Amino acid sequence: MQIEFAPSERSTIGVEWELALVDSATGDLVQVADEVLREVGTADGEEHPQITHELLLNTVELVSRVHHTVPAAITDLQELIGLVREVTDPLGIELMCAGTHPFAQWFDQKITPNERYDRLLDRTQWWGRQMMIWGIHVHVGIDERDKALPIVNGLLTYYPHLQALSASSPYWAGAHTGYASNRALMFQQLPTAGLPWQFGSWANYEEYVQDLVTTGVVTDHSEVRWDIRPSPKWGTVEMRACDGLSTADEVGAVAALIHCLTDRMSGDLDDGVEPVTLQPWFVRENKWRAARYGLDAEIIVAPDGRERLVRESLLELVDELAPIAERLGCPEELRTVTTILEKGASYQRQLAVAQANGGSLQAVVSSLAHELRDGLGR
């Protein structure tokens, strides 16, 4: 099987942001995506090209256009939020984003009518119905196909940094899970989801997809739902590991970190330098540690097994990547990584709100909705 990798300008960027629709009075999820999408759609009844449906009717997804800088992509997303709010505010519906909803129950959620979703749920059954989760996806343009898989492999080294920084799902169906990111471990239950295989060549990837198609696991490569994957249709590497984030500033910070890391690896490959990669068993352990402990995780940072606190490694990365951020036009967004470390990641803020409000998870939802509307520290 040959899989064409679309031409793409190096280090262009696009961001997808999944938002939950919640009742402003109760904080529970509401199943009104169809109505919202109809109102923001085109005059001929089609969906807005940048505001789309997702698996569940409690969700809308915002998709930025292709940009050269992170700030431009974030501005694009904020404009889309404004369009959605023109519909949701009069309905008494708030927008919220986190890796999971703190107390909603999966069996109350309605599925978006869609042949592809129907096929997924028919195959995955109970686990598929559990996918009451939200995330952000960041695409970075790759100018040569044969760079894509080495960059995927290299980004796995920084998986725990991104997972810990974005962790926002400490609750599941009303329970405190003890994890910073319960979403990370939920999503990997789907077939072909989770950590990618570390392939050495594009031909290996094509053989893998062919095997899956031959055995009926997928119908095409787009159903390979790895946490980090090549996206041949767009000519990008797509980072899908991150939990949903409740503020545009946090989305910008995580996107800037991904943008800078990917661009650095792309340049290194041009110079004949392969990205540092970790053994698959170290990558798997790092994912679990970041999901469990968040910013307090001690992670494996080198093939020889050296370990560091992820918080310390993130601060070092911000300094290392600062010149690249200046060149890519996202220095302020990259510095916001340190702001998150100071104010706390979303999972930490959610736990603090619950503790301050007698364990109320409605208060947590209210706080998340407030953050999305007004940002942090306002």
Protein backbone atom coordinates (compact mmCIF):
# COMPACT_ATOMS: atom_id res chain seq x y z
CA MET A 1 0.00 0.00 0.00
CA GLN A 2 1.31 3.43 -0.94
CA ILE A 3 0.27 6.32 1.31
CA GLU A 4 0.89 9.72 -0.21
CA PHE A 5 2.13 12.45 2.14
CA ALA A 6 0.72 15.79 1.03
CA PRO A 7 3.10 18.68 0.31
CA SER A 8 3.27 21.02 3.28
CA GLU A 9 5.26 24.11 4.14
CA ARG A 10 7.71 23.44 6.94
CA SER A 11 6.55 24.41 10.43
CA THR A 12 3.18 25.79 9.49
CA ILE A 13 0.73 25.13 12.31
CA GLY A 14 -2.92 24.35 12.90
CA VAL A 15 -4.75 23.68 16.16
CA GLU A 16 -7.98 21.79 16.91
CA TRP A 17 -9.79 22.50 20.19
CA GLU A 18 -12.66 20.32 21.43
CA LEU A 19 -15.19 22.16 23.63
CA ALA A 20 -17.92 20.71 25.83
CA LEU A 21 -21.39 22.26 25.99
CA VAL A 22 -22.69 22.55 29.57
CA ASP A 23 -25.83 23.89 31.21
CA SER A 24 -24.94 27.18 32.89
CA ALA A 25 -27.18 26.39 35.88
CA THR A 26 -26.37 22.74 36.59
CA GLY A 27 -22.96 22.34 34.96
CA ASP A 28 -24.07 19.08 33.34
CA LEU A 29 -23.43 18.30 29.69
CA VAL A 30 -26.15 19.17 27.18
CA GLN A 31 -26.78 17.41 23.86
CA VAL A 32 -27.27 20.40 21.59
CA ALA A 33 -24.30 20.33 19.20
CA ASP A 34 -26.60 19.83 16.21
CA GLU A 35 -28.52 23.00 17.04
CA VAL A 36 -25.35 25.01 17.64
CA LEU A 37 -23.73 23.78 14.43
CA ARG A 38 -26.87 24.52 12.44
CA GLU A 39 -26.93 28.11 13.69
CA VAL A 40 -23.24 28.77 12.95
CA GLY A 41 -23.37 26.90 9.63
CA THR A 42 -23.34 28.26 6.11
CA ALA A 43 -26.32 29.75 4.31
CA ASP A 44 -26.78 26.58 2.26
CA GLY A 45 -27.14 24.43 5.38
CA GLU A 46 -23.59 23.05 5.54
CA GLU A 47 -21.45 22.96 8.67
CA HIS A 48 -19.14 25.90 9.27
CA PRO A 49 -15.80 24.81 7.78
CA GLN A 50 -14.00 25.50 11.07
CA ILE A 51 -16.69 24.58 13.63
CA THR A 52 -17.54 20.93 13.37
CA HIS A 53 -19.20 17.97 15.08
CA GLU A 54 -17.48 15.31 17.14
CA LEU A 55 -18.38 11.84 18.42
CA LEU A 56 -20.81 13.14 21.06
CA LEU A 57 -23.62 15.66 20.74
CA ASN A 58 -22.27 17.50 23.78
CA THR A 59 -19.19 18.68 21.86
CA VAL A 60 -18.15 21.08 19.13
CA GLU A 61 -14.67 21.20 17.68
CA LEU A 62 -12.93 24.38 16.60
CA VAL A 63 -10.37 24.00 13.82
CA SER A 64 -7.96 26.81 13.03
CA ARG A 65 -6.83 27.56 9.53
CA VAL A 66 -3.21 26.87 8.58
CA HIS A 67 -0.95 29.55 10.05
CA HIS A 68 2.73 30.40 10.28
CA THR A 69 2.62 31.34 13.97
CA VAL A 70 0.96 30.10 17.13
CA PRO A 71 -0.47 33.54 18.03
CA ALA A 72 -2.29 33.67 14.69
CA ALA A 73 -3.76 30.20 15.25
CA ILE A 74 -4.94 31.12 18.76
CA THR A 75 -6.52 34.36 17.53
CA ASP A 76 -8.32 32.32 14.89
CA LEU A 77 -9.69 29.95 17.56
CA GLN A 78 -10.79 32.83 19.80
CA GLU A 79 -12.76 34.32 16.91
CA LEU A 80 -14.47 30.96 16.42
CA ILE A 81 -15.37 30.86 20.11
CA GLY A 82 -17.00 34.24 19.66
CA LEU A 83 -19.18 32.85 16.87
CA VAL A 84 -20.22 29.89 19.01
CA ARG A 85 -21.05 32.11 21.98
CA GLU A 86 -23.44 34.15 19.83
CA VAL A 87 -25.54 30.98 19.75
CA THR A 88 -24.85 29.43 23.14
CA ASP A 89 -25.10 32.49 25.41
CA PRO A 90 -28.81 33.14 24.66
CA LEU A 91 -29.51 29.43 25.30
CA GLY A 92 -27.95 29.51 28.76
CA ILE A 93 -25.15 27.19 27.64
CA GLU A 94 -21.56 27.61 28.74
CA LEU A 95 -18.44 26.35 27.00
CA MET A 96 -15.99 24.25 28.98
CA CYS A 97 -12.83 22.35 28.22
CA ALA A 98 -10.96 19.75 30.25
CA GLY A 99 -9.78 16.22 29.53
CA THR A 100 -12.95 14.89 31.15
CA HIS A 101 -16.15 16.32 32.61
CA PRO A 102 -15.92 16.07 36.41
CA PHE A 103 -19.28 14.41 37.10
CA ALA A 104 -21.28 13.66 33.93
CA GLN A 105 -22.17 10.03 33.21
CA TRP A 106 -21.24 8.42 29.90
CA PHE A 107 -24.56 6.60 29.52
CA ASP A 108 -26.45 9.91 29.44
CA GLN A 109 -24.58 11.14 26.38
CA LYS A 110 -25.94 10.98 22.84
CA ILE A 111 -23.89 9.98 19.82
CA THR A 112 -23.65 12.14 16.70
CA PRO A 113 -25.36 10.31 13.81
CA ASN A 114 -22.49 9.37 11.54
CA GLU A 115 -21.62 6.16 9.69
CA ARG A 116 -18.00 6.27 10.80
CA TYR A 117 -18.93 6.79 14.46
CA ASP A 118 -21.54 4.04 14.23
CA ARG A 119 -18.93 1.64 12.92
CA LEU A 120 -16.48 2.59 15.67
CA LEU A 121 -19.04 2.07 18.43
CA ASP A 122 -20.33 -1.16 16.97
CA ARG A 123 -16.82 -2.54 17.17
CA THR A 124 -15.68 -1.04 20.48
CA GLN A 125 -18.97 -1.29 22.42
CA TRP A 126 -18.61 -0.35 26.12
CA TRP A 127 -15.14 1.15 25.77
CA GLY A 128 -16.20 3.22 22.79
CA ARG A 129 -19.15 4.61 24.72
CA GLN A 130 -16.74 5.65 27.47
CA MET A 131 -15.01 8.19 25.23
CA MET A 132 -16.47 11.17 27.06
CA ILE A 133 -13.16 12.97 26.71
CA TRP A 134 -11.81 16.18 25.19
CA GLY A 135 -8.41 17.19 23.88
CA ILE A 136 -6.42 19.54 21.73
CA HIS A 137 -4.65 18.42 18.56
CA VAL A 138 -1.71 20.33 17.11
CA HIS A 139 -0.58 19.86 13.50
CA VAL A 140 2.87 21.00 12.39
CA GLY A 141 3.81 21.04 8.72
CA ILE A 142 6.59 18.67 7.60
CA ASP A 143 8.30 19.57 4.36
CA GLU A 144 9.62 16.08 3.56
CA ARG A 145 7.73 12.83 4.03
CA ASP A 146 10.74 10.93 5.35
CA LYS A 147 11.07 13.36 8.26
CA ALA A 148 7.62 12.53 9.61
CA LEU A 149 8.29 9.26 11.42
CA PRO A 150 11.66 10.30 12.91
CA ILE A 151 9.89 13.38 14.32
CA VAL A 152 7.06 11.23 15.70
CA ASN A 153 9.69 9.06 17.38
CA GLY A 154 11.54 12.11 18.69
CA LEU A 155 8.40 13.72 20.08
CA LEU A 156 7.80 10.59 22.16
CA THR A 157 10.79 11.66 24.25
CA TYR A 158 8.81 14.77 25.22
CA TYR A 159 5.48 13.00 25.63
CA PRO A 160 5.50 13.25 29.44
CA HIS A 161 6.29 16.96 29.32
CA LEU A 162 3.24 17.66 27.17
CA GLN A 163 1.02 15.22 29.07
CA ALA A 164 1.91 16.69 32.45
CA LEU A 165 1.60 20.30 31.30
CA SER A 166 -1.85 19.73 29.78
CA ALA A 167 -3.20 17.26 32.37
CA SER A 168 -6.79 18.26 33.16
CA SER A 169 -8.77 15.13 33.93
CA PRO A 170 -8.48 14.18 37.61
CA TYR A 171 -12.19 13.30 37.84
CA TRP A 172 -14.27 10.67 36.08
CA ALA A 173 -18.05 10.31 36.48
CA GLY A 174 -17.95 12.00 39.88
CA ALA A 175 -14.94 10.11 41.24
CA HIS A 176 -11.52 11.52 42.08
CA THR A 177 -9.32 9.07 40.16
CA GLY A 178 -5.97 9.89 41.73
CA TYR A 179 -4.61 10.59 38.23
CA ALA A 180 -3.68 13.95 36.78
CA SER A 181 -4.87 12.70 33.37
CA ASN A 182 -7.45 9.95 33.45
CA ARG A 183 -8.16 10.77 29.80
CA ALA A 184 -4.73 9.52 28.76
CA LEU A 185 -5.49 6.03 30.02
CA MET A 186 -9.11 6.04 28.82
CA PHE A 187 -8.35 6.91 25.22
CA GLN A 188 -5.74 4.19 24.77
CA GLN A 189 -8.43 1.53 25.22
CA LEU A 190 -9.58 2.07 21.63
CA PRO A 191 -8.08 -0.17 18.93
CA THR A 192 -5.12 1.58 17.22
CA ALA A 193 -5.14 4.35 19.85
CA GLY A 194 -2.39 4.99 22.38
CA LEU A 195 1.35 5.18 21.79
CA PRO A 196 2.62 4.81 18.22
CA TRP A 197 4.91 2.05 17.04
CA GLN A 198 8.42 3.35 16.43
CA PHE A 199 8.89 2.62 12.74
CA GLY A 200 12.19 3.14 10.97
CA SER A 201 10.87 4.03 7.52
CA TRP A 202 7.76 5.18 5.70
CA ALA A 203 7.59 1.79 4.01
CA ASN A 204 7.25 0.16 7.46
CA TYR A 205 4.32 2.47 8.21
CA GLU A 206 2.67 1.62 4.88
CA GLU A 207 3.08 -2.11 5.60
CA TYR A 208 1.50 -1.63 9.03
CA VAL A 209 -1.54 0.18 7.61
CA GLN A 210 -1.87 -2.45 4.88
CA ASP A 211 -1.92 -5.20 7.51
CA LEU A 212 -4.68 -3.40 9.42
CA VAL A 213 -6.76 -2.86 6.30
CA THR A 214 -6.29 -6.47 5.19
CA THR A 215 -7.50 -7.78 8.56
CA GLY A 216 -10.40 -5.34 8.85
CA VAL A 217 -9.03 -3.35 11.78
CA VAL A 218 -9.30 -0.05 9.87
CA THR A 219 -10.57 1.09 6.51
CA ASP A 220 -7.74 3.60 5.97
CA HIS A 221 -4.81 5.27 7.73
CA SER A 222 -6.99 8.03 9.24
CA GLU A 223 -8.41 5.45 11.67
CA VAL A 224 -4.98 4.91 13.20
CA ARG A 225 -5.60 7.02 16.31
CA TRP A 226 -2.12 7.19 17.83
CA ASP A 227 -1.30 9.82 20.45
CA ILE A 228 1.27 11.18 17.98
CA ARG A 229 0.89 10.34 14.33
CA PRO A 230 1.74 11.39 10.81
CA SER A 231 -1.24 12.97 9.08
CA PRO A 232 -0.62 12.21 5.41
CA LYS A 233 -3.70 14.08 4.18
CA TRP A 234 -2.35 17.37 5.52
CA GLY A 235 1.40 16.73 5.34
CA THR A 236 1.82 17.17 9.09
CA VAL A 237 2.79 15.48 12.29
CA GLU A 238 -0.19 15.61 14.64
CA MET A 239 0.20 15.72 18.42
CA ARG A 240 -2.94 14.23 20.00
CA ALA A 241 -1.62 13.35 23.46
CA CYS A 242 -2.73 16.52 25.25
CA ASP A 243 -5.79 16.82 27.47
CA GLY A 244 -8.30 19.54 26.70
CA LEU A 245 -7.31 22.95 28.08
CA SER A 246 -9.65 25.56 29.48
CA THR A 247 -7.86 28.74 28.41
CA ALA A 248 -6.52 30.09 25.15
CA ASP A 249 -3.26 30.98 26.90
CA GLU A 250 -2.70 27.34 27.89
CA VAL A 251 -3.54 26.11 24.39
CA GLY A 252 -1.02 28.63 23.08
CA ALA A 253 1.66 27.51 25.53
CA VAL A 254 1.30 23.83 24.67
CA ALA A 255 1.10 24.58 20.94
CA ALA A 256 4.25 26.72 21.16
CA LEU A 257 6.15 23.94 22.90
CA ILE A 258 5.08 21.44 20.21
CA HIS A 259 5.84 23.92 17.42
CA CYS A 260 9.34 24.64 18.68
CA LEU A 261 10.23 21.00 19.38
CA THR A 262 9.04 19.88 15.95
CA ASP A 263 10.83 22.68 14.14
CA ARG A 264 14.06 21.92 16.01
CA MET A 265 13.88 18.25 15.04
CA SER A 266 13.09 19.16 11.43
CA GLY A 267 16.17 21.36 11.27
CA ASP A 268 18.34 18.72 12.92
CA LEU A 269 17.21 16.16 10.35
CA ASP A 270 18.19 18.59 7.58
CA ASP A 271 21.66 18.58 9.15
CA GLY A 272 21.75 14.79 9.32
CA VAL A 273 21.10 14.62 13.07
CA GLU A 274 18.46 12.12 14.23
CA PRO A 275 16.23 13.07 17.19
CA VAL A 276 16.97 11.43 20.52
CA THR A 277 14.57 8.53 20.99
CA LEU A 278 13.77 6.44 24.04
CA GLN A 279 13.18 2.74 24.25
CA PRO A 280 9.47 1.90 23.88
CA TRP A 281 9.34 0.58 27.45
CA PHE A 282 10.68 3.91 28.74
CA VAL A 283 8.12 5.81 26.63
CA ARG A 284 5.30 3.69 28.03
CA GLU A 285 6.48 4.21 31.61
CA ASN A 286 6.79 7.96 31.05
CA LYS A 287 3.22 8.14 29.77
CA TRP A 288 1.93 6.41 32.87
CA ARG A 289 4.00 8.55 35.24
CA ALA A 290 2.83 11.79 33.64
CA ALA A 291 -0.79 10.63 33.65
CA ARG A 292 -0.56 9.58 37.28
CA TYR A 293 1.55 12.33 38.84
CA GLY A 294 1.29 15.24 36.40
CA LEU A 295 3.82 17.97 37.07
CA ASP A 296 5.19 16.06 40.06
CA ALA A 297 6.27 13.13 37.88
CA GLU A 298 9.87 11.98 37.76
CA ILE A 299 10.44 11.01 34.15
CA ILE A 300 13.06 9.15 32.14
CA VAL A 301 14.87 11.64 29.93
CA ALA A 302 17.62 9.64 28.22
CA PRO A 303 18.22 6.16 26.77
CA ASP A 304 20.63 5.41 29.62
CA GLY A 305 17.75 5.69 32.10
CA ARG A 306 18.58 9.07 33.62
CA GLU A 307 15.59 10.64 35.39
CA ARG A 308 14.49 14.18 36.19
CA LEU A 309 11.46 15.91 37.60
CA VAL A 310 9.29 16.87 34.66
CA ARG A 311 8.86 20.36 36.13
CA GLU A 312 12.63 20.94 36.05
CA SER A 313 12.94 19.52 32.55
CA LEU A 314 10.17 21.82 31.30
CA LEU A 315 11.91 24.91 32.67
CA GLU A 316 15.11 23.82 30.94
CA LEU A 317 13.23 23.25 27.69
CA VAL A 318 11.75 26.75 27.76
CA ASP A 319 15.28 28.20 27.96
CA GLU A 320 16.63 25.87 25.26
CA LEU A 321 13.82 26.62 22.84
CA ALA A 322 13.68 30.40 23.41
CA PRO A 323 15.71 31.29 20.26
CA ILE A 324 13.50 29.01 18.15
CA ALA A 325 10.38 30.58 19.67
CA GLU A 326 11.67 34.04 18.71
CA ARG A 327 12.17 32.89 15.12
CA LEU A 328 8.75 31.20 14.98
CA GLY A 329 6.97 34.19 16.49
CA CYS A 330 5.79 32.58 19.74
CA PRO A 331 8.16 33.73 22.53
CA GLU A 332 5.35 34.92 24.81
CA GLU A 333 3.38 31.72 24.31
CA LEU A 334 6.41 29.57 25.14
CA ARG A 335 7.07 31.62 28.30
CA THR A 336 3.48 30.90 29.36
CA VAL A 337 4.70 27.37 30.12
CA THR A 338 6.36 28.86 33.19
CA THR A 339 3.12 30.64 34.11
CA ILE A 340 1.32 27.28 34.12
CA LEU A 341 4.02 25.88 36.38
CA GLU A 342 3.51 28.81 38.76
CA LYS A 343 -0.30 28.87 38.77
CA GLY A 344 -0.77 25.12 38.52
CA ALA A 345 -1.90 22.90 35.67
CA SER A 346 -5.63 22.46 35.16
CA TYR A 347 -5.82 19.22 37.19
CA GLN A 348 -4.24 21.02 40.15
CA ARG A 349 -6.60 23.98 39.87
CA GLN A 350 -9.62 21.68 39.64
CA LEU A 351 -8.62 19.80 42.78
CA ALA A 352 -8.06 23.09 44.62
CA VAL A 353 -11.51 24.42 43.61
CA ALA A 354 -13.19 21.22 44.80
CA GLN A 355 -11.36 21.35 48.12
CA ALA A 356 -12.30 25.00 48.63
CA ASN A 357 -15.98 24.25 47.91
CA GLY A 358 -16.62 21.23 50.08
CA GLY A 359 -15.92 18.77 47.28
CA SER A 360 -18.44 20.34 44.87
CA LEU A 361 -17.79 19.24 41.32
CA GLN A 362 -20.40 21.71 40.07
CA ALA A 363 -18.03 24.37 41.39
CA VAL A 364 -15.23 22.79 39.35
CA VAL A 365 -17.30 22.99 36.16
CA SER A 366 -18.20 26.59 36.94
CA SER A 367 -14.53 27.40 37.43
CA LEU A 368 -13.56 25.74 34.14
CA ALA A 369 -16.27 27.65 32.27
CA HIS A 370 -15.12 30.89 33.90
CA GLU A 371 -11.53 30.20 32.86
CA LEU A 372 -12.53 29.62 29.26
CA ARG A 373 -14.47 32.87 29.21
CA ASP A 374 -12.08 35.08 31.15
CA GLY A 375 -8.69 33.37 31.23
CA LEU A 376 -6.47 32.64 34.21
CA GLY A 377 -6.04 34.96 37.16
CA ARG A 378 -8.82 37.37 36.29
